Amino acid sequence: GGSAGSGGADSGGASGGARFCETCQCEKPERAHHCRVCNRCVLKMDHHCPWINNCVGHYNQKYFILFIWYTVLLGLYNCATVSLWAYPMTDAQQQAIMQDWTIVFTNIIVSGIFGVFQIAFGVHHIALVRQNATTIETIGKGRLRKRQLAVFDLGVRGNIEQVFGTNASTWALPCVQGCQGDGYTWPHNSSPSVTETRP
């Protein structure tokens, strides 16, 4: 889905302490990272995605995940409909459009492969949402320890609501804003086990 794009100079901010971005010359909120491609700090940055030519972060994470899954549905729908159109043809019909079969088979193969790839990518991002984590916080230089990520864990339902909103009936709707909060401060898990291990 793209490169992380983070400057990699920060630790992720799980401690809640103030951080400073040397490039932007401003204080960097908790979970924010500087993107080298966009040349700006991004709230709750997940990664920089060349597909959308933008960073995925606090305000557009829901839309990005829906984009992935709608693309999966489109690819699989295209693969299925073209296959069903081509399969029942008689030999005479097949010979009549033989010059188009290369296009038909390419369409089926590309749609199928693309759909499967996107499913894997979509599952990965859903798993991150369930943990209330980002790609940067789990992979690469900005990776946090499990005990640091546990600070943001509000339970599966609470984690999902942080990205998709509190109304489950609108989770699949791209026309409804889902993200909770302002992206500068984050609710923390205050359970004793997490509080004791917080860095």
C-alpha atoms as a PDB file:
ATOM      1  CA  GLY A   1       0.000   0.000   0.000  1.00  0.00           C
ATOM      2  CA  GLY A   2       2.997   2.315   0.146  1.00  0.00           C
ATOM      3  CA  SER A   3       6.001   3.286   2.180  1.00  0.00           C
ATOM      4  CA  ALA A   4       5.822   4.475   5.733  1.00  0.00           C
ATOM      5  CA  GLY A   5       7.393   7.789   4.709  1.00  0.00           C
ATOM      6  CA  SER A   6       8.090   8.760   8.291  1.00  0.00           C
ATOM      7  CA  GLY A   7      11.187  10.710   9.225  1.00  0.00           C
ATOM      8  CA  GLY A   8      11.845   8.005  11.782  1.00  0.00           C
ATOM      9  CA  ALA A   9      13.379  10.325  14.343  1.00  0.00           C
ATOM     10  CA  ASP A  10      10.681   9.888  16.985  1.00  0.00           C
ATOM     11  CA  SER A  11       9.780   6.972  19.202  1.00  0.00           C
ATOM     12  CA  GLY A  12       6.031   7.130  18.638  1.00  0.00           C
ATOM     13  CA  GLY A  13       5.070   9.144  21.680  1.00  0.00           C
ATOM     14  CA  ALA A  14       3.480   6.417  23.753  1.00  0.00           C
ATOM     15  CA  SER A  15       4.842   8.069  26.880  1.00  0.00           C
ATOM     16  CA  GLY A  16       2.754  11.158  26.196  1.00  0.00           C
ATOM     17  CA  GLY A  17       5.786  13.443  26.498  1.00  0.00           C
ATOM     18  CA  ALA A  18       6.178  16.492  24.276  1.00  0.00           C
ATOM     19  CA  ARG A  19       8.204  15.964  21.107  1.00  0.00           C
ATOM     20  CA  PHE A  20       9.573  18.488  18.673  1.00  0.00           C
ATOM     21  CA  CYS A  21       9.820  18.234  14.887  1.00  0.00           C
ATOM     22  CA  GLU A  22      13.103  19.713  13.705  1.00  0.00           C
ATOM     23  CA  THR A  23      11.836  19.972  10.123  1.00  0.00           C
ATOM     24  CA  CYS A  24       8.501  21.693  10.817  1.00  0.00           C
ATOM     25  CA  GLN A  25       9.931  23.559  13.809  1.00  0.00           C
ATOM     26  CA  CYS A  26       6.896  22.827  15.934  1.00  0.00           C
ATOM     27  CA  GLU A  27       5.779  20.566  18.749  1.00  0.00           C
ATOM     28  CA  LYS A  28       4.760  17.130  17.495  1.00  0.00           C
ATOM     29  CA  PRO A  29       1.621  15.670  19.134  1.00  0.00           C
ATOM     30  CA  GLU A  30       1.471  12.163  20.503  1.00  0.00           C
ATOM     31  CA  ARG A  31       1.366   9.544  17.701  1.00  0.00           C
ATOM     32  CA  ALA A  32       2.157  12.151  15.020  1.00  0.00           C
ATOM     33  CA  HIS A  33       5.052  11.621  12.603  1.00  0.00           C
ATOM     34  CA  HIS A  34       6.777  13.738   9.990  1.00  0.00           C
ATOM     35  CA  CYS A  35       6.289  12.523   6.414  1.00  0.00           C
ATOM     36  CA  ARG A  36       9.316  13.046   4.186  1.00  0.00           C
ATOM     37  CA  VAL A  37       7.166  12.869   1.042  1.00  0.00           C
ATOM     38  CA  CYS A  38       4.470  15.342   2.106  1.00  0.00           C
ATOM     39  CA  ASN A  39       7.027  17.352   4.104  1.00  0.00           C
ATOM     40  CA  ARG A  40       4.692  17.889   7.034  1.00  0.00           C
ATOM     41  CA  CYS A  41       3.709  16.273  10.305  1.00  0.00           C
ATOM     42  CA  VAL A  42       0.672  13.984  10.094  1.00  0.00           C
ATOM     43  CA  LEU A  43      -1.615  13.231  13.037  1.00  0.00           C
ATOM     44  CA  LYS A  44      -1.627   9.515  13.903  1.00  0.00           C
ATOM     45  CA  MET A  45       0.292   8.797  10.731  1.00  0.00           C
ATOM     46  CA  ASP A  46      -0.078   5.251   9.407  1.00  0.00           C
ATOM     47  CA  HIS A  47       1.951   5.479   6.185  1.00  0.00           C
ATOM     48  CA  HIS A  48       2.355   7.468   2.981  1.00  0.00           C
ATOM     49  CA  CYS A  49       0.388   5.827   0.184  1.00  0.00           C
ATOM     50  CA  PRO A  50       1.403   6.485  -3.449  1.00  0.00           C
ATOM     51  CA  TRP A  51      -1.966   5.106  -4.629  1.00  0.00           C
ATOM     52  CA  ILE A  52      -3.795   8.099  -3.186  1.00  0.00           C
ATOM     53  CA  ASN A  53      -0.749  10.397  -3.322  1.00  0.00           C
ATOM     54  CA  ASN A  54      -1.274  11.304   0.306  1.00  0.00           C
ATOM     55  CA  CYS A  55      -0.630  10.203   3.864  1.00  0.00           C
ATOM     56  CA  VAL A  56      -3.013   7.925   5.707  1.00  0.00           C
ATOM     57  CA  GLY A  57      -3.621   9.288   9.181  1.00  0.00           C
ATOM     58  CA  HIS A  58      -6.157  10.312  11.785  1.00  0.00           C
ATOM     59  CA  TYR A  59      -8.696  12.042   9.540  1.00  0.00           C
ATOM     60  CA  ASN A  60      -8.688   9.722   6.507  1.00  0.00           C
ATOM     61  CA  GLN A  61      -7.867   6.259   7.911  1.00  0.00           C
ATOM     62  CA  LYS A  62     -11.511   5.147   7.711  1.00  0.00           C
ATOM     63  CA  TYR A  63     -11.794   6.290   4.085  1.00  0.00           C
ATOM     64  CA  PHE A  64      -8.561   4.522   3.152  1.00  0.00           C
ATOM     65  CA  ILE A  65      -9.696   1.210   4.658  1.00  0.00           C
ATOM     66  CA  LEU A  66     -13.087   1.489   2.928  1.00  0.00           C
ATOM     67  CA  PHE A  67     -11.261   2.275  -0.322  1.00  0.00           C
ATOM     68  CA  ILE A  68      -9.312  -0.976   0.043  1.00  0.00           C
ATOM     69  CA  TRP A  69     -12.400  -3.107   0.677  1.00  0.00           C
ATOM     70  CA  TYR A  70     -14.511  -1.466  -2.019  1.00  0.00           C
ATOM     71  CA  THR A  71     -11.645  -2.113  -4.430  1.00  0.00           C
ATOM     72  CA  VAL A  72     -11.670  -5.777  -3.338  1.00  0.00           C
ATOM     73  CA  LEU A  73     -15.393  -6.019  -4.058  1.00  0.00           C
ATOM     74  CA  LEU A  74     -14.993  -4.323  -7.439  1.00  0.00           C
ATOM     75  CA  GLY A  75     -12.131  -6.621  -8.457  1.00  0.00           C
ATOM     76  CA  LEU A  76     -13.938  -9.800  -7.397  1.00  0.00           C
ATOM     77  CA  TYR A  77     -17.189  -8.619  -8.991  1.00  0.00           C
ATOM     78  CA  ASN A  78     -15.385  -7.924 -12.268  1.00  0.00           C
ATOM     79  CA  CYS A  79     -13.629 -11.300 -12.155  1.00  0.00           C
ATOM     80  CA  ALA A  80     -16.891 -13.146 -11.461  1.00  0.00           C
ATOM     81  CA  THR A  81     -19.029 -11.356 -14.044  1.00  0.00           C
ATOM     82  CA  VAL A  82     -16.492 -11.723 -16.873  1.00  0.00           C
ATOM     83  CA  SER A  83     -16.018 -15.419 -15.991  1.00  0.00           C
ATOM     84  CA  LEU A  84     -19.765 -16.059 -15.998  1.00  0.00           C
ATOM     85  CA  TRP A  85     -20.081 -14.242 -19.319  1.00  0.00           C
ATOM     86  CA  ALA A  86     -17.310 -16.272 -20.975  1.00  0.00           C
ATOM     87  CA  TYR A  87     -18.009 -19.744 -19.547  1.00  0.00           C
ATOM     88  CA  PRO A  88     -21.354 -20.701 -21.180  1.00  0.00           C
ATOM     89  CA  MET A  89     -20.350 -19.720 -24.728  1.00  0.00           C
ATOM     90  CA  THR A  90     -20.556 -22.282 -27.521  1.00  0.00           C
ATOM     91  CA  ASP A  91     -17.510 -23.151 -29.617  1.00  0.00           C
ATOM     92  CA  ALA A  92     -18.861 -21.029 -32.477  1.00  0.00           C
ATOM     93  CA  GLN A  93     -19.290 -18.039 -30.217  1.00  0.00           C
ATOM     94  CA  GLN A  94     -15.824 -18.529 -28.770  1.00  0.00           C
ATOM     95  CA  GLN A  95     -14.289 -18.685 -32.250  1.00  0.00           C
ATOM     96  CA  ALA A  96     -16.160 -15.526 -33.244  1.00  0.00           C
ATOM     97  CA  ILE A  97     -14.512 -13.526 -30.463  1.00  0.00           C
ATOM     98  CA  MET A  98     -11.220 -15.418 -30.340  1.00  0.00           C
ATOM     99  CA  GLN A  99      -9.288 -12.206 -30.886  1.00  0.00           C
ATOM    100  CA  ASP A 100     -10.758 -10.885 -27.640  1.00  0.00           C
ATOM    101  CA  TRP A 101      -9.912 -13.889 -25.454  1.00  0.00           C
ATOM    102  CA  THR A 102      -6.525 -12.519 -24.517  1.00  0.00           C
ATOM    103  CA  ILE A 103      -8.229  -9.448 -23.139  1.00  0.00           C
ATOM    104  CA  VAL A 104     -10.877 -11.567 -21.369  1.00  0.00           C
ATOM    105  CA  PHE A 105      -8.404 -13.885 -19.663  1.00  0.00           C
ATOM    106  CA  THR A 106      -6.099 -11.008 -18.743  1.00  0.00           C
ATOM    107  CA  ASN A 107      -9.058  -9.230 -17.202  1.00  0.00           C
ATOM    108  CA  ILE A 108     -10.024 -12.295 -15.147  1.00  0.00           C
ATOM    109  CA  ILE A 109      -6.468 -13.022 -13.968  1.00  0.00           C
ATOM    110  CA  VAL A 110      -5.581  -9.438 -13.110  1.00  0.00           C
ATOM    111  CA  SER A 111      -8.879  -8.852 -11.293  1.00  0.00           C
ATOM    112  CA  GLY A 112      -8.499 -12.069  -9.319  1.00  0.00           C
ATOM    113  CA  ILE A 113      -4.895 -11.470  -8.314  1.00  0.00           C
ATOM    114  CA  PHE A 114      -5.560  -7.835  -7.466  1.00  0.00           C
ATOM    115  CA  GLY A 115      -8.590  -8.794  -5.390  1.00  0.00           C
ATOM    116  CA  VAL A 116      -6.652 -11.402  -3.387  1.00  0.00           C
ATOM    117  CA  PHE A 117      -3.766  -8.975  -2.795  1.00  0.00           C
ATOM    118  CA  GLN A 118      -6.159  -6.297  -1.611  1.00  0.00           C
ATOM    119  CA  ILE A 119      -7.882  -8.755   0.735  1.00  0.00           C
ATOM    120  CA  ALA A 120      -4.550  -9.439   2.457  1.00  0.00           C
ATOM    121  CA  PHE A 121      -3.853  -5.720   2.665  1.00  0.00           C
ATOM    122  CA  GLY A 122      -7.347  -4.999   3.985  1.00  0.00           C
ATOM    123  CA  VAL A 123      -7.114  -7.720   6.639  1.00  0.00           C
ATOM    124  CA  HIS A 124      -3.791  -6.248   7.784  1.00  0.00           C
ATOM    125  CA  HIS A 125      -5.345  -2.811   8.282  1.00  0.00           C
ATOM    126  CA  ILE A 126      -8.408  -4.189  10.049  1.00  0.00           C
ATOM    127  CA  ALA A 127      -6.046  -6.010  12.424  1.00  0.00           C
ATOM    128  CA  LEU A 128      -4.286  -2.703  13.128  1.00  0.00           C
ATOM    129  CA  VAL A 129      -7.618  -0.990  13.838  1.00  0.00           C
ATOM    130  CA  ARG A 130      -8.583  -3.772  16.275  1.00  0.00           C
ATOM    131  CA  GLN A 131      -5.350  -3.073  18.174  1.00  0.00           C
ATOM    132  CA  ASN A 132      -5.686   0.718  17.877  1.00  0.00           C
ATOM    133  CA  ALA A 133      -2.249   0.740  16.247  1.00  0.00           C
ATOM    134  CA  THR A 134      -0.689   2.108  13.060  1.00  0.00           C
ATOM    135  CA  THR A 135       1.762   0.663  10.552  1.00  0.00           C
ATOM    136  CA  ILE A 136       4.518   2.948  11.832  1.00  0.00           C
ATOM    137  CA  GLU A 137       3.848   1.897  15.418  1.00  0.00           C
ATOM    138  CA  THR A 138       4.163  -1.788  14.550  1.00  0.00           C
ATOM    139  CA  ILE A 139       6.793  -1.846  11.775  1.00  0.00           C
ATOM    140  CA  GLY A 140      10.078  -0.068  11.173  1.00  0.00           C
ATOM    141  CA  LYS A 141      11.994   2.578  13.078  1.00  0.00           C
ATOM    142  CA  GLY A 142       8.920   3.994  14.797  1.00  0.00           C
ATOM    143  CA  ARG A 143       7.875   0.578  16.133  1.00  0.00           C
ATOM    144  CA  LEU A 144       6.586   0.540  19.700  1.00  0.00           C
ATOM    145  CA  ARG A 145       6.876  -2.227  22.256  1.00  0.00           C
ATOM    146  CA  LYS A 146       3.717  -4.186  23.055  1.00  0.00           C
ATOM    147  CA  ARG A 147       3.491  -2.552  26.467  1.00  0.00           C
ATOM    148  CA  GLN A 148       3.628   0.872  24.794  1.00  0.00           C
ATOM    149  CA  LEU A 149       0.882  -0.016  22.319  1.00  0.00           C
ATOM    150  CA  ALA A 150      -1.218  -1.383  25.199  1.00  0.00           C
ATOM    151  CA  VAL A 151      -1.584   2.187  26.452  1.00  0.00           C
ATOM    152  CA  PHE A 152      -3.867   2.950  23.484  1.00  0.00           C
ATOM    153  CA  ASP A 153      -5.820  -0.342  23.626  1.00  0.00           C
ATOM    154  CA  LEU A 154      -9.439   0.488  24.524  1.00  0.00           C
ATOM    155  CA  GLY A 155     -10.783  -2.981  23.757  1.00  0.00           C
ATOM    156  CA  VAL A 156     -11.821  -4.190  20.301  1.00  0.00           C
ATOM    157  CA  ARG A 157     -15.088  -2.205  20.162  1.00  0.00           C
ATOM    158  CA  GLY A 158     -13.462   0.936  21.553  1.00  0.00           C
ATOM    159  CA  ASN A 159     -10.533   0.638  19.150  1.00  0.00           C
ATOM    160  CA  ILE A 160     -12.814   0.275  16.134  1.00  0.00           C
ATOM    161  CA  GLU A 161     -14.874   3.262  17.242  1.00  0.00           C
ATOM    162  CA  GLN A 162     -11.725   5.409  17.342  1.00  0.00           C
ATOM    163  CA  VAL A 163     -11.492   5.029  13.542  1.00  0.00           C
ATOM    164  CA  PHE A 164     -15.019   4.263  12.305  1.00  0.00           C
ATOM    165  CA  GLY A 165     -17.184   6.092  14.835  1.00  0.00           C
ATOM    166  CA  THR A 166     -19.614   5.022  17.537  1.00  0.00           C
ATOM    167  CA  ASN A 167     -22.509   4.198  15.198  1.00  0.00           C
ATOM    168  CA  ALA A 168     -21.909   0.745  13.706  1.00  0.00           C
ATOM    169  CA  SER A 169     -24.564   1.309  11.031  1.00  0.00           C
ATOM    170  CA  THR A 170     -22.343   3.959   9.398  1.00  0.00           C
ATOM    171  CA  TRP A 171     -19.015   2.109   9.548  1.00  0.00           C
ATOM    172  CA  ALA A 172     -19.240   1.086   5.880  1.00  0.00           C
ATOM    173  CA  LEU A 173     -20.364   4.512   4.671  1.00  0.00           C
ATOM    174  CA  PRO A 174     -17.651   6.779   3.232  1.00  0.00           C
ATOM    175  CA  CYS A 175     -19.955   9.793   3.524  1.00  0.00           C
ATOM    176  CA  VAL A 176     -19.846   9.730   7.347  1.00  0.00           C
ATOM    177  CA  GLN A 177     -16.802  10.947   9.276  1.00  0.00           C
ATOM    178  CA  GLY A 178     -15.653   8.276  11.711  1.00  0.00           C
ATOM    179  CA  CYS A 179     -12.538   9.385  13.572  1.00  0.00           C
ATOM    180  CA  GLN A 180     -12.932  10.345  17.210  1.00  0.00           C
ATOM    181  CA  GLY A 181     -11.136  13.241  18.889  1.00  0.00           C
ATOM    182  CA  ASP A 182      -8.890  15.947  17.491  1.00  0.00           C
ATOM    183  CA  GLY A 183      -5.840  13.794  16.724  1.00  0.00           C
ATOM    184  CA  TYR A 184      -3.712  15.683  19.253  1.00  0.00           C
ATOM    185  CA  THR A 185      -4.662  13.843  22.423  1.00  0.00           C
ATOM    186  CA  TRP A 186      -5.664  10.209  22.823  1.00  0.00           C
ATOM    187  CA  PRO A 187      -7.638   8.249  25.406  1.00  0.00           C
ATOM    188  CA  HIS A 188      -5.372   5.850  27.292  1.00  0.00           C
ATOM    189  CA  ASN A 189      -6.041   2.456  28.757  1.00  0.00           C
ATOM    190  CA  SER A 190      -5.960   3.090  32.493  1.00  0.00           C
ATOM    191  CA  SER A 191      -6.032  -0.528  33.659  1.00  0.00           C
ATOM    192  CA  PRO A 192      -3.490  -1.243  36.447  1.00  0.00           C
ATOM    193  CA  SER A 193      -1.479  -3.715  34.336  1.00  0.00           C
ATOM    194  CA  VAL A 194      -0.973  -1.102  31.613  1.00  0.00           C
ATOM    195  CA  THR A 195      -0.368   1.815  33.962  1.00  0.00           C
ATOM    196  CA  GLU A 196       2.360  -0.064  35.810  1.00  0.00           C
ATOM    197  CA  THR A 197       4.282  -0.825  32.601  1.00  0.00           C
ATOM    198  CA  ARG A 198       3.791   2.537  30.917  1.00  0.00           C
ATOM    199  CA  PRO A 199       7.223   3.999  29.981  1.00  0.00           C
END
